[in-house]
Amino acid sequence: MFSKIIDGIYSSISSLPFDTLVWIILGSFAAVTVLAIVISFVLPKVRAADKRPYLCLVNAFTAVVLAAFLTKQQLAESVLAAVIFWCFGYFFYGVLCFISKPAKSQSAAPSQITLLPSRGAAPAPRPDVPAAKSSVRLEHAISVTDRLLTKNLGKSDRQELEKLKSTLSVLQMKGELSPAESDVLNDNFNALLKLMAKYNI
């Protein structure tokens, strides 16, 4: 039964003119690639999404190209055609990954970071944190962030850690902190402690 099904499929494919078959395969792949690139430009969620499904599609189309060429060509020529197609597919995969890279301009410079107190109940008034004490804490926190950045972090954790480091650097430059800035410092320490526990630092 299965051999008859395979024979029927092979006969249907073989009955098509070879050039037509190849153009159908290449045209389908080109349409999918153009659609993926356009959608990645238009929709931020798609741009940020994992591109490995497209890579799987490239591998699948490579197998289809190999099978199509085997209907008319020898094995060596068919493998060569599949390899050439595979290289082009990986090139477009690289283009999609390049499009998906976050722009450097999106990460705020340390001097542009706005220091806001955490939401919730208004903090009780307290004197400014002494510069010497905050400086020691900040130096320690920044050294911990540097150690964490050497770890194999998830994308969201790495982005959060880079923001933490930028904020801590701004606070370090200020020296003596206001009550609102002290709240920001404590919030950042809490977030840093969670990441330290998560990655066993």
C-alpha atoms as a PDB file:
ATOM      1  CA  MET A   1       0.000   0.000   0.000  1.00  0.00           C
ATOM      2  CA  PHE A   2       2.714   2.447   1.008  1.00  0.00           C
ATOM      3  CA  SER A   3       4.786   1.671  -2.055  1.00  0.00           C
ATOM      4  CA  LYS A   4       1.802   2.521  -4.271  1.00  0.00           C
ATOM      5  CA  ILE A   5       1.350   5.835  -2.469  1.00  0.00           C
ATOM      6  CA  ILE A   6       5.022   6.696  -2.924  1.00  0.00           C
ATOM      7  CA  ASP A   7       4.902   5.618  -6.575  1.00  0.00           C
ATOM      8  CA  GLY A   8       1.873   7.829  -7.124  1.00  0.00           C
ATOM      9  CA  ILE A   9       3.540  10.839  -5.529  1.00  0.00           C
ATOM     10  CA  TYR A  10       6.724  10.239  -7.508  1.00  0.00           C
ATOM     11  CA  SER A  11       4.786   9.903 -10.754  1.00  0.00           C
ATOM     12  CA  SER A  12       2.891  13.135 -10.093  1.00  0.00           C
ATOM     13  CA  ILE A  13       6.105  15.036  -9.401  1.00  0.00           C
ATOM     14  CA  SER A  14       7.945  13.472 -12.326  1.00  0.00           C
ATOM     15  CA  SER A  15       5.137  14.378 -14.712  1.00  0.00           C
ATOM     16  CA  LEU A  16       5.787  18.079 -14.091  1.00  0.00           C
ATOM     17  CA  PRO A  17       8.417  19.746 -16.301  1.00  0.00           C
ATOM     18  CA  PHE A  18      11.649  19.907 -14.305  1.00  0.00           C
ATOM     19  CA  ASP A  19      12.060  23.673 -14.674  1.00  0.00           C
ATOM     20  CA  THR A  20       8.484  24.251 -13.541  1.00  0.00           C
ATOM     21  CA  LEU A  21       9.014  22.057 -10.479  1.00  0.00           C
ATOM     22  CA  VAL A  22      12.181  23.917  -9.500  1.00  0.00           C
ATOM     23  CA  TRP A  23      10.535  27.325 -10.002  1.00  0.00           C
ATOM     24  CA  ILE A  24       7.605  26.274  -7.798  1.00  0.00           C
ATOM     25  CA  ILE A  25       9.988  25.247  -4.999  1.00  0.00           C
ATOM     26  CA  LEU A  26      12.207  28.335  -5.268  1.00  0.00           C
ATOM     27  CA  GLY A  27       9.194  30.642  -5.655  1.00  0.00           C
ATOM     28  CA  SER A  28       7.547  29.218  -2.538  1.00  0.00           C
ATOM     29  CA  PHE A  29      10.739  29.657  -0.525  1.00  0.00           C
ATOM     30  CA  ALA A  30      11.256  33.193  -1.831  1.00  0.00           C
ATOM     31  CA  ALA A  31       7.673  34.132  -0.927  1.00  0.00           C
ATOM     32  CA  VAL A  32       8.064  32.784   2.609  1.00  0.00           C
ATOM     33  CA  THR A  33      11.411  34.592   3.018  1.00  0.00           C
ATOM     34  CA  VAL A  34      10.113  37.949   1.786  1.00  0.00           C
ATOM     35  CA  LEU A  35       7.042  37.614   3.994  1.00  0.00           C
ATOM     36  CA  ALA A  36       9.197  36.807   7.049  1.00  0.00           C
ATOM     37  CA  ILE A  37      11.492  39.797   6.432  1.00  0.00           C
ATOM     38  CA  VAL A  38       8.606  42.214   5.860  1.00  0.00           C
ATOM     39  CA  ILE A  39       6.702  41.040   8.936  1.00  0.00           C
ATOM     40  CA  SER A  40       9.888  41.286  11.021  1.00  0.00           C
ATOM     41  CA  PHE A  41      10.258  44.916   9.956  1.00  0.00           C
ATOM     42  CA  VAL A  42       6.600  45.752  10.601  1.00  0.00           C
ATOM     43  CA  LEU A  43       5.813  43.853  13.818  1.00  0.00           C
ATOM     44  CA  PRO A  44       8.150  44.254  16.835  1.00  0.00           C
ATOM     45  CA  LYS A  45       6.880  41.032  18.427  1.00  0.00           C
ATOM     46  CA  VAL A  46       7.810  39.024  15.337  1.00  0.00           C
ATOM     47  CA  ARG A  47      11.149  40.847  15.147  1.00  0.00           C
ATOM     48  CA  ALA A  48      11.945  39.811  18.727  1.00  0.00           C
ATOM     49  CA  ALA A  49      10.722  36.226  18.264  1.00  0.00           C
ATOM     50  CA  ASP A  50      13.042  33.242  17.858  1.00  0.00           C
ATOM     51  CA  LYS A  51      14.040  32.672  14.226  1.00  0.00           C
ATOM     52  CA  ARG A  52      14.803  28.947  14.553  1.00  0.00           C
ATOM     53  CA  PRO A  53      11.485  27.939  12.908  1.00  0.00           C
ATOM     54  CA  TYR A  54      12.714  29.695   9.750  1.00  0.00           C
ATOM     55  CA  LEU A  55      15.943  27.699  10.005  1.00  0.00           C
ATOM     56  CA  CYS A  56      13.912  24.480  10.185  1.00  0.00           C
ATOM     57  CA  LEU A  57      12.043  25.646   7.085  1.00  0.00           C
ATOM     58  CA  VAL A  58      15.366  26.153   5.279  1.00  0.00           C
ATOM     59  CA  ASN A  59      16.397  22.591   6.116  1.00  0.00           C
ATOM     60  CA  ALA A  60      13.036  21.236   4.945  1.00  0.00           C
ATOM     61  CA  PHE A  61      13.223  23.127   1.640  1.00  0.00           C
ATOM     62  CA  THR A  62      16.796  21.855   1.166  1.00  0.00           C
ATOM     63  CA  ALA A  63      15.497  18.287   1.380  1.00  0.00           C
ATOM     64  CA  VAL A  64      12.750  19.150  -1.120  1.00  0.00           C
ATOM     65  CA  VAL A  65      15.321  20.638  -3.529  1.00  0.00           C
ATOM     66  CA  LEU A  66      17.448  17.490  -3.235  1.00  0.00           C
ATOM     67  CA  ALA A  67      14.438  15.263  -3.920  1.00  0.00           C
ATOM     68  CA  ALA A  68      13.357  17.379  -6.906  1.00  0.00           C
ATOM     69  CA  PHE A  69      16.805  17.314  -8.515  1.00  0.00           C
ATOM     70  CA  LEU A  70      17.099  13.557  -7.985  1.00  0.00           C
ATOM     71  CA  THR A  71      14.134  13.084 -10.311  1.00  0.00           C
ATOM     72  CA  LYS A  72      16.201  14.372 -13.259  1.00  0.00           C
ATOM     73  CA  GLN A  73      19.856  14.621 -12.188  1.00  0.00           C
ATOM     74  CA  GLN A  74      22.561  12.359 -10.832  1.00  0.00           C
ATOM     75  CA  LEU A  75      23.286  12.214  -7.102  1.00  0.00           C
ATOM     76  CA  ALA A  76      26.352  14.467  -7.256  1.00  0.00           C
ATOM     77  CA  GLU A  77      24.550  17.244  -9.147  1.00  0.00           C
ATOM     78  CA  SER A  78      21.522  16.953  -6.855  1.00  0.00           C
ATOM     79  CA  VAL A  79      23.617  17.217  -3.704  1.00  0.00           C
ATOM     80  CA  LEU A  80      25.441  20.237  -5.138  1.00  0.00           C
ATOM     81  CA  ALA A  81      22.132  21.975  -5.895  1.00  0.00           C
ATOM     82  CA  ALA A  82      20.884  21.234  -2.371  1.00  0.00           C
ATOM     83  CA  VAL A  83      24.085  22.589  -0.797  1.00  0.00           C
ATOM     84  CA  ILE A  84      23.885  25.806  -2.848  1.00  0.00           C
ATOM     85  CA  PHE A  85      20.255  26.277  -1.820  1.00  0.00           C
ATOM     86  CA  TRP A  86      21.140  25.527   1.818  1.00  0.00           C
ATOM     87  CA  CYS A  87      23.857  28.232   1.775  1.00  0.00           C
ATOM     88  CA  PHE A  88      21.405  30.797   0.395  1.00  0.00           C
ATOM     89  CA  GLY A  89      18.874  29.757   3.032  1.00  0.00           C
ATOM     90  CA  TYR A  90      21.383  30.253   5.833  1.00  0.00           C
ATOM     91  CA  PHE A  91      22.288  33.645   4.398  1.00  0.00           C
ATOM     92  CA  PHE A  92      18.655  34.771   4.642  1.00  0.00           C
ATOM     93  CA  TYR A  93      18.483  33.258   8.145  1.00  0.00           C
ATOM     94  CA  GLY A  94      21.417  35.496   9.050  1.00  0.00           C
ATOM     95  CA  VAL A  95      19.571  38.486   7.555  1.00  0.00           C
ATOM     96  CA  LEU A  96      16.539  37.737   9.738  1.00  0.00           C
ATOM     97  CA  CYS A  97      18.715  37.391  12.841  1.00  0.00           C
ATOM     98  CA  PHE A  98      20.451  40.687  12.013  1.00  0.00           C
ATOM     99  CA  ILE A  99      17.080  42.414  11.684  1.00  0.00           C
ATOM    100  CA  SER A 100      16.061  40.993  15.068  1.00  0.00           C
ATOM    101  CA  LYS A 101      19.085  42.403  16.931  1.00  0.00           C
ATOM    102  CA  PRO A 102      18.019  45.207  19.297  1.00  0.00           C
ATOM    103  CA  ALA A 103      19.293  48.594  18.218  1.00  0.00           C
ATOM    104  CA  LYS A 104      22.020  50.025  20.436  1.00  0.00           C
ATOM    105  CA  SER A 105      20.169  53.315  20.559  1.00  0.00           C
ATOM    106  CA  GLN A 106      17.305  51.590  22.377  1.00  0.00           C
ATOM    107  CA  SER A 107      19.407  51.117  25.506  1.00  0.00           C
ATOM    108  CA  ALA A 108      19.410  54.342  27.434  1.00  0.00           C
ATOM    109  CA  ALA A 109      22.745  55.933  28.255  1.00  0.00           C
ATOM    110  CA  PRO A 110      23.526  56.105  31.976  1.00  0.00           C
ATOM    111  CA  SER A 111      23.188  59.897  31.945  1.00  0.00           C
ATOM    112  CA  GLN A 112      19.667  59.632  30.501  1.00  0.00           C
ATOM    113  CA  ILE A 113      18.246  57.231  33.075  1.00  0.00           C
ATOM    114  CA  THR A 114      15.439  58.694  35.150  1.00  0.00           C
ATOM    115  CA  LEU A 115      15.606  57.652  38.771  1.00  0.00           C
ATOM    116  CA  LEU A 116      12.092  57.161  40.110  1.00  0.00           C
ATOM    117  CA  PRO A 117      11.004  55.802  43.475  1.00  0.00           C
ATOM    118  CA  SER A 118       9.187  52.471  43.552  1.00  0.00           C
ATOM    119  CA  ARG A 119       5.408  52.506  43.339  1.00  0.00           C
ATOM    120  CA  GLY A 120       3.258  51.892  46.356  1.00  0.00           C
ATOM    121  CA  ALA A 121       3.115  53.585  49.739  1.00  0.00           C
ATOM    122  CA  ALA A 122       5.091  56.791  50.054  1.00  0.00           C
ATOM    123  CA  PRO A 123       8.371  56.131  51.888  1.00  0.00           C
ATOM    124  CA  ALA A 124       8.845  57.651  55.305  1.00  0.00           C
ATOM    125  CA  PRO A 125      11.177  60.668  55.273  1.00  0.00           C
ATOM    126  CA  ARG A 126      14.738  59.825  56.224  1.00  0.00           C
ATOM    127  CA  PRO A 127      18.101  61.523  55.968  1.00  0.00           C
ATOM    128  CA  ASP A 128      20.244  61.115  52.872  1.00  0.00           C
ATOM    129  CA  VAL A 129      22.384  57.997  52.711  1.00  0.00           C
ATOM    130  CA  PRO A 130      26.002  58.868  53.566  1.00  0.00           C
ATOM    131  CA  ALA A 131      28.204  58.945  50.485  1.00  0.00           C
ATOM    132  CA  ALA A 132      30.848  56.607  51.902  1.00  0.00           C
ATOM    133  CA  LYS A 133      28.316  53.906  52.813  1.00  0.00           C
ATOM    134  CA  SER A 134      26.443  54.077  49.486  1.00  0.00           C
ATOM    135  CA  SER A 135      29.729  54.086  47.556  1.00  0.00           C
ATOM    136  CA  VAL A 136      30.845  50.815  49.158  1.00  0.00           C
ATOM    137  CA  ARG A 137      27.477  49.178  48.525  1.00  0.00           C
ATOM    138  CA  LEU A 138      27.387  50.391  44.935  1.00  0.00           C
ATOM    139  CA  GLU A 139      30.918  49.192  44.165  1.00  0.00           C
ATOM    140  CA  HIS A 140      30.028  45.764  45.506  1.00  0.00           C
ATOM    141  CA  ALA A 141      26.747  45.671  43.553  1.00  0.00           C
ATOM    142  CA  ILE A 142      28.449  46.717  40.302  1.00  0.00           C
ATOM    143  CA  SER A 143      31.119  44.035  40.736  1.00  0.00           C
ATOM    144  CA  VAL A 144      28.343  41.456  41.235  1.00  0.00           C
ATOM    145  CA  THR A 145      26.579  42.618  38.048  1.00  0.00           C
ATOM    146  CA  ASP A 146      29.851  42.226  36.139  1.00  0.00           C
ATOM    147  CA  ARG A 147      30.178  38.669  37.427  1.00  0.00           C
ATOM    148  CA  LEU A 148      26.573  37.903  36.500  1.00  0.00           C
ATOM    149  CA  LEU A 149      27.050  39.276  32.977  1.00  0.00           C
ATOM    150  CA  THR A 150      29.725  36.612  32.380  1.00  0.00           C
ATOM    151  CA  LYS A 151      27.130  33.908  33.027  1.00  0.00           C
ATOM    152  CA  ASN A 152      24.931  32.288  30.398  1.00  0.00           C
ATOM    153  CA  LEU A 153      21.891  34.482  31.081  1.00  0.00           C
ATOM    154  CA  GLY A 154      18.461  34.487  29.518  1.00  0.00           C
ATOM    155  CA  LYS A 155      17.714  37.378  27.192  1.00  0.00           C
ATOM    156  CA  SER A 156      15.309  39.134  29.586  1.00  0.00           C
ATOM    157  CA  ASP A 157      17.648  38.625  32.562  1.00  0.00           C
ATOM    158  CA  ARG A 158      20.597  40.052  30.628  1.00  0.00           C
ATOM    159  CA  GLN A 159      18.580  43.123  29.606  1.00  0.00           C
ATOM    160  CA  GLU A 160      17.399  43.657  33.197  1.00  0.00           C
ATOM    161  CA  LEU A 161      20.964  43.274  34.488  1.00  0.00           C
ATOM    162  CA  GLU A 162      22.344  45.781  31.980  1.00  0.00           C
ATOM    163  CA  LYS A 163      19.690  48.307  33.090  1.00  0.00           C
ATOM    164  CA  LEU A 164      20.580  47.618  36.723  1.00  0.00           C
ATOM    165  CA  LYS A 165      24.253  48.232  36.047  1.00  0.00           C
ATOM    166  CA  SER A 166      23.504  51.505  34.232  1.00  0.00           C
ATOM    167  CA  THR A 167      21.330  52.729  37.099  1.00  0.00           C
ATOM    168  CA  LEU A 168      23.914  51.730  39.713  1.00  0.00           C
ATOM    169  CA  SER A 169      26.636  53.551  37.765  1.00  0.00           C
ATOM    170  CA  VAL A 170      24.543  56.744  37.740  1.00  0.00           C
ATOM    171  CA  LEU A 171      23.936  56.457  41.481  1.00  0.00           C
ATOM    172  CA  GLN A 172      27.631  55.862  42.090  1.00  0.00           C
ATOM    173  CA  MET A 173      28.539  59.085  40.288  1.00  0.00           C
ATOM    174  CA  LYS A 174      26.051  61.097  42.382  1.00  0.00           C
ATOM    175  CA  GLY A 175      27.770  60.314  45.679  1.00  0.00           C
ATOM    176  CA  GLU A 176      25.319  61.348  48.412  1.00  0.00           C
ATOM    177  CA  LEU A 177      21.813  60.090  47.635  1.00  0.00           C
ATOM    178  CA  SER A 178      18.443  61.666  48.257  1.00  0.00           C
ATOM    179  CA  PRO A 179      15.654  59.610  49.923  1.00  0.00           C
ATOM    180  CA  ALA A 180      14.028  58.925  46.528  1.00  0.00           C
ATOM    181  CA  GLU A 181      17.353  57.805  45.066  1.00  0.00           C
ATOM    182  CA  SER A 182      17.956  55.621  48.110  1.00  0.00           C
ATOM    183  CA  ASP A 183      14.659  53.867  47.415  1.00  0.00           C
ATOM    184  CA  VAL A 184      15.780  53.280  43.832  1.00  0.00           C
ATOM    185  CA  LEU A 185      19.053  51.858  45.162  1.00  0.00           C
ATOM    186  CA  ASN A 186      17.208  49.459  47.483  1.00  0.00           C
ATOM    187  CA  ASP A 187      14.890  48.321  44.693  1.00  0.00           C
ATOM    188  CA  ASN A 188      17.901  47.621  42.498  1.00  0.00           C
ATOM    189  CA  PHE A 189      19.591  45.671  45.288  1.00  0.00           C
ATOM    190  CA  ASN A 190      16.473  43.542  45.691  1.00  0.00           C
ATOM    191  CA  ALA A 191      16.352  42.805  41.961  1.00  0.00           C
ATOM    192  CA  LEU A 192      20.074  41.994  42.003  1.00  0.00           C
ATOM    193  CA  LEU A 193      19.655  39.605  44.931  1.00  0.00           C
ATOM    194  CA  LYS A 194      16.967  37.689  43.011  1.00  0.00           C
ATOM    195  CA  LEU A 195      19.294  37.313  40.013  1.00  0.00           C
ATOM    196  CA  MET A 196      22.150  36.248  42.295  1.00  0.00           C
ATOM    197  CA  ALA A 197      19.958  33.530  43.817  1.00  0.00           C
ATOM    198  CA  LYS A 198      18.762  32.425  40.379  1.00  0.00           C
ATOM    199  CA  TYR A 199      22.302  32.024  39.002  1.00  0.00           C
ATOM    200  CA  ASN A 200      23.970  30.879  42.251  1.00  0.00           C
ATOM    201  CA  ILE A 201      26.253  33.878  42.710  1.00  0.00           C
END
